[in-house]
Amino acid sequence: MRLLTVDTSGPVCGAAVLEGERVLSEFTAQSGNTHSASLMPMVERCLEAAGRTLEEMDGLAVVTGPGSFTGVRIGVATVKGLAHGSGKPCYPVDALEALAESTGASFQDVLVCPMQDARAGQVYGAFFRNGQRLTGDAPMKLEDYLAEARGRSESPWLFTGDGMAAHRGIIRERMGGGALFAPAPFCFLRPSAAGLLAARKGVPVTWQDLKECYLRPPNAEKNRKLLEAMRHE
């Protein structure tokens, strides 16, 4: 199966083209440009580098969250538009599962702890071992997430994701020498890993049914509800 995959759920914007288990091309960037400015040129370069066209793709995969509200929305909206225009099916991919896949697949009997930074001392997290999901995705205070990791397994614990990068010092302080940290080239979500997950386990949906996976309401939604409540006081 040929898949175009995009990810804008975190600070890194990325795209990849896969053919079966082969990665034909992959582009990632963490720059000052917004994902909305970077993504479509990156998709075009990725297809060109792979020697493929959008029409030759069997489907379009996208990371639907959890992650940055704005970033997730950009990736999902872009894929919806591409799928609508091309008639291709969409494959939603979970960000934390793709992080675990790209970082921890080669580790045996290690608790893999993917974390996306949720700001304000919180993370989006889950736990995996030997390629198997142990928990669902959840927003947690960092301290609660680390306590959950301790309760689920003795060391070592393998931490990855932009949440790990943001809170590395605290993790080392709380978890001690049992904390393992993914190396820099592997601590961000790779779009190729998301594409491989989609190819192996993905369930196709139409562009109309493709939705973002928010674990908590975006700030805009919270502000709207607050304003509504204030009007009724």
Protein backbone atom coordinates (compact mmCIF):
# COMPACT_ATOMS: atom_id res chain seq x y z
CA MET A 1 0.00 0.00 0.00
CA ARG A 2 1.26 3.45 -0.88
CA LEU A 3 0.64 6.07 1.79
CA LEU A 4 1.30 9.77 2.10
CA THR A 5 1.61 10.56 5.81
CA VAL A 6 1.71 13.93 7.55
CA ASP A 7 2.23 14.99 11.16
CA THR A 8 1.81 18.45 12.64
CA SER A 9 0.80 17.40 16.17
CA GLY A 10 3.97 18.70 17.86
CA PRO A 11 6.78 21.18 17.27
CA VAL A 12 8.09 19.17 14.30
CA CYS A 13 6.27 19.33 10.97
CA GLY A 14 6.74 16.22 8.85
CA ALA A 15 5.64 14.25 5.81
CA ALA A 16 6.58 10.85 4.42
CA VAL A 17 5.74 8.61 1.48
CA LEU A 18 5.72 4.87 2.06
CA GLU A 19 5.31 1.89 -0.23
CA GLY A 20 4.62 -1.16 1.87
CA GLU A 21 7.38 -1.30 4.50
CA ARG A 22 9.68 0.96 2.45
CA VAL A 23 10.11 4.63 3.25
CA LEU A 24 10.49 6.30 -0.14
CA SER A 25 10.92 9.82 1.24
CA GLU A 26 10.62 11.67 4.53
CA PHE A 27 10.93 15.34 5.38
CA THR A 28 10.83 16.91 8.83
CA ALA A 29 11.53 20.42 10.05
CA GLN A 30 11.36 22.40 13.26
CA SER A 31 11.69 26.00 12.19
CA GLY A 32 10.24 29.40 12.87
CA ASN A 33 7.62 28.88 10.17
CA THR A 34 4.15 27.85 11.21
CA HIS A 35 3.02 24.36 10.21
CA SER A 36 0.38 25.92 7.97
CA ALA A 37 3.13 27.59 5.93
CA SER A 38 5.47 24.58 5.91
CA LEU A 39 3.23 21.57 5.37
CA MET A 40 2.03 21.79 1.76
CA PRO A 41 5.47 22.66 0.29
CA MET A 42 6.86 19.75 2.32
CA VAL A 43 4.18 17.38 0.98
CA GLU A 44 4.97 18.45 -2.58
CA ARG A 45 8.72 17.94 -2.08
CA CYS A 46 8.10 14.59 -0.41
CA LEU A 47 6.03 13.29 -3.33
CA GLU A 48 8.55 14.62 -5.82
CA ALA A 49 11.49 13.01 -3.98
CA ALA A 50 9.62 9.68 -3.91
CA GLY A 51 8.87 9.92 -7.63
CA ARG A 52 5.16 9.54 -6.94
CA THR A 53 2.03 11.62 -7.35
CA LEU A 54 -0.93 12.10 -5.06
CA GLU A 55 -3.07 10.16 -7.54
CA GLU A 56 -0.77 7.14 -7.10
CA MET A 57 -1.33 7.01 -3.34
CA ASP A 58 -3.68 4.37 -1.94
CA GLY A 59 -4.48 6.51 1.08
CA LEU A 60 -3.53 9.48 3.25
CA ALA A 61 -2.47 9.05 6.87
CA VAL A 62 -2.41 11.83 9.44
CA VAL A 63 -1.61 12.07 13.14
CA THR A 64 -4.87 13.17 14.74
CA GLY A 65 -3.52 13.83 18.26
CA PRO A 66 -3.14 14.21 21.08
CA GLY A 67 -0.89 17.22 20.75
CA SER A 68 -0.98 20.90 19.93
CA PHE A 69 -4.57 21.93 19.22
CA THR A 70 -3.59 24.25 16.37
CA GLY A 71 -1.04 21.83 14.97
CA VAL A 72 -3.40 18.85 14.96
CA ARG A 73 -6.08 20.97 13.29
CA ILE A 74 -3.68 22.00 10.51
CA GLY A 75 -2.68 18.42 9.70
CA VAL A 76 -6.22 17.05 9.77
CA ALA A 77 -7.64 19.93 7.72
CA THR A 78 -4.90 19.52 5.11
CA VAL A 79 -5.49 15.79 4.74
CA LYS A 80 -9.26 16.30 4.60
CA GLY A 81 -8.78 18.70 1.72
CA LEU A 82 -6.37 16.41 -0.14
CA ALA A 83 -8.61 13.39 0.40
CA HIS A 84 -11.71 15.27 -0.70
CA GLY A 85 -10.04 16.38 -3.91
CA SER A 86 -8.42 13.05 -4.74
CA GLY A 87 -11.07 10.63 -3.48
CA LYS A 88 -8.52 8.81 -1.29
CA PRO A 89 -9.34 7.19 2.07
CA CYS A 90 -7.88 8.65 5.27
CA TYR A 91 -6.03 6.78 8.03
CA PRO A 92 -6.04 8.46 11.48
CA VAL A 93 -2.97 7.70 13.62
CA ASP A 94 -2.57 8.14 17.37
CA ALA A 95 0.41 10.37 18.24
CA LEU A 96 1.50 8.51 21.38
CA GLU A 97 1.33 5.12 19.70
CA ALA A 98 3.41 6.40 16.80
CA LEU A 99 5.94 7.85 19.24
CA ALA A 100 6.20 4.50 21.01
CA GLU A 101 6.60 2.76 17.67
CA SER A 102 9.35 5.05 16.42
CA THR A 103 11.32 5.00 19.70
CA GLY A 104 10.67 1.84 21.63
CA ALA A 105 10.11 -0.88 19.06
CA SER A 106 13.60 -2.29 19.52
CA PHE A 107 13.42 -2.37 23.34
CA GLN A 108 12.24 -5.50 25.13
CA ASP A 109 10.72 -5.53 28.61
CA VAL A 110 11.12 -1.77 28.99
CA LEU A 111 8.19 0.46 29.89
CA VAL A 112 7.97 2.91 26.97
CA CYS A 113 6.62 6.27 28.13
CA PRO A 114 5.69 8.60 25.22
CA MET A 115 4.80 12.12 26.31
CA GLN A 116 3.44 15.10 24.43
CA ASP A 117 3.80 18.45 26.17
CA ALA A 118 0.36 19.77 27.18
CA ARG A 119 1.76 22.94 28.82
CA ALA A 120 1.05 24.19 32.34
CA GLY A 121 2.97 21.28 33.90
CA GLN A 122 0.84 18.66 32.14
CA VAL A 123 1.53 16.02 29.52
CA TYR A 124 -0.49 13.77 27.24
CA GLY A 125 0.76 10.30 28.03
CA ALA A 126 0.27 6.56 27.73
CA PHE A 127 2.35 3.44 28.41
CA PHE A 128 3.54 0.65 26.12
CA ARG A 129 5.58 -2.52 26.54
CA ASN A 130 6.90 -4.87 23.84
CA GLY A 131 4.80 -3.09 21.24
CA GLN A 132 1.58 -3.50 23.24
CA ARG A 133 -0.51 -0.63 24.57
CA LEU A 134 -1.01 -0.83 28.35
CA THR A 135 -3.15 2.29 28.86
CA GLY A 136 -5.26 4.70 26.90
CA ASP A 137 -4.16 8.25 26.17
CA ALA A 138 -4.79 10.73 28.98
CA PRO A 139 -3.88 14.27 30.01
CA MET A 140 -2.02 14.19 33.35
CA LYS A 141 0.02 16.35 35.62
CA LEU A 142 3.66 15.45 35.05
CA GLU A 143 4.03 14.25 38.65
CA ASP A 144 1.03 11.92 38.27
CA TYR A 145 2.37 10.52 35.01
CA LEU A 146 5.75 9.74 36.59
CA ALA A 147 4.06 8.17 39.63
CA GLU A 148 1.99 6.01 37.27
CA ALA A 149 5.17 4.90 35.50
CA ARG A 150 6.71 3.88 38.83
CA GLY A 151 3.57 2.02 39.81
CA ARG A 152 3.45 0.08 36.56
CA SER A 153 7.06 -1.03 36.34
CA GLU A 154 10.40 -1.09 38.04
CA SER A 155 13.17 0.69 36.14
CA PRO A 156 14.16 1.18 33.44
CA TRP A 157 11.63 3.53 31.91
CA LEU A 158 12.14 4.85 28.38
CA PHE A 159 10.86 8.42 27.92
CA THR A 160 10.30 10.00 24.53
CA GLY A 161 8.43 12.85 22.86
CA ASP A 162 8.48 16.63 23.14
CA GLY A 163 7.10 16.29 26.68
CA MET A 164 10.27 14.41 27.60
CA ALA A 165 12.41 17.16 26.07
CA ALA A 166 10.49 19.86 27.94
CA HIS A 167 10.66 18.13 31.34
CA ARG A 168 13.90 16.15 31.14
CA GLY A 169 15.41 17.70 34.26
CA ILE A 170 12.37 16.95 36.41
CA ILE A 171 12.13 13.40 35.06
CA ARG A 172 15.77 12.72 35.90
CA GLU A 173 15.31 14.18 39.37
CA ARG A 174 12.17 12.16 40.13
CA MET A 175 13.06 8.86 38.42
CA GLY A 176 16.80 8.71 39.04
CA GLY A 177 19.17 6.49 37.09
CA GLY A 178 16.35 4.24 35.91
CA ALA A 179 15.15 6.89 33.47
CA LEU A 180 16.25 6.34 29.88
CA PHE A 181 15.86 9.15 27.35
CA ALA A 182 15.38 8.67 23.63
CA PRO A 183 18.26 10.16 21.64
CA ALA A 184 17.52 13.44 19.86
CA PRO A 185 16.99 11.86 16.40
CA PHE A 186 14.30 9.57 17.84
CA CYS A 187 12.57 11.68 20.49
CA PHE A 188 10.13 13.29 18.06
CA LEU A 189 7.30 11.66 16.18
CA ARG A 190 8.50 10.49 12.78
CA PRO A 191 5.86 10.59 10.04
CA SER A 192 7.29 7.36 8.60
CA ALA A 193 6.50 5.57 11.90
CA ALA A 194 2.96 6.93 11.75
CA GLY A 195 2.66 5.68 8.16
CA LEU A 196 3.86 2.20 9.08
CA LEU A 197 1.30 2.06 11.88
CA ALA A 198 -1.44 3.13 9.48
CA ALA A 199 -0.41 0.51 6.94
CA ARG A 200 -0.36 -2.31 9.52
CA LYS A 201 -3.25 -1.46 11.81
CA GLY A 202 -5.09 1.54 10.39
CA VAL A 203 -8.80 1.58 9.71
CA PRO A 204 -9.70 3.79 6.73
CA VAL A 205 -12.30 6.52 7.09
CA THR A 206 -13.74 9.04 4.65
CA TRP A 207 -12.59 12.63 4.73
CA GLN A 208 -15.94 13.59 6.27
CA ASP A 209 -15.36 11.18 9.18
CA LEU A 210 -11.74 12.18 9.84
CA LYS A 211 -11.62 14.00 13.19
CA GLU A 212 -9.05 15.46 15.56
CA CYS A 213 -8.37 13.59 18.81
CA TYR A 214 -8.44 16.19 21.57
CA LEU A 215 -8.14 14.86 25.11
CA ARG A 216 -9.34 18.15 26.54
CA PRO A 217 -11.22 21.05 24.93
CA PRO A 218 -9.15 23.64 23.08
CA ASN A 219 -8.71 27.02 24.78
CA ALA A 220 -11.07 28.60 22.25
CA GLU A 221 -13.82 26.18 23.28
CA LYS A 222 -13.18 26.75 26.98
CA ASN A 223 -13.25 30.53 26.48
CA ARG A 224 -16.52 30.27 24.54
CA LYS A 225 -18.17 28.30 27.35
CA LEU A 226 -16.85 30.77 29.92
CA LEU A 227 -18.30 33.71 27.99
CA GLU A 228 -21.64 31.94 27.67
CA ALA A 229 -21.71 31.25 31.40
CA MET A 230 -20.88 34.90 32.15
CA ARG A 231 -23.74 36.09 29.92
CA HIS A 232 -26.21 34.00 31.89
CA GLU A 233 -25.10 35.24 35.30
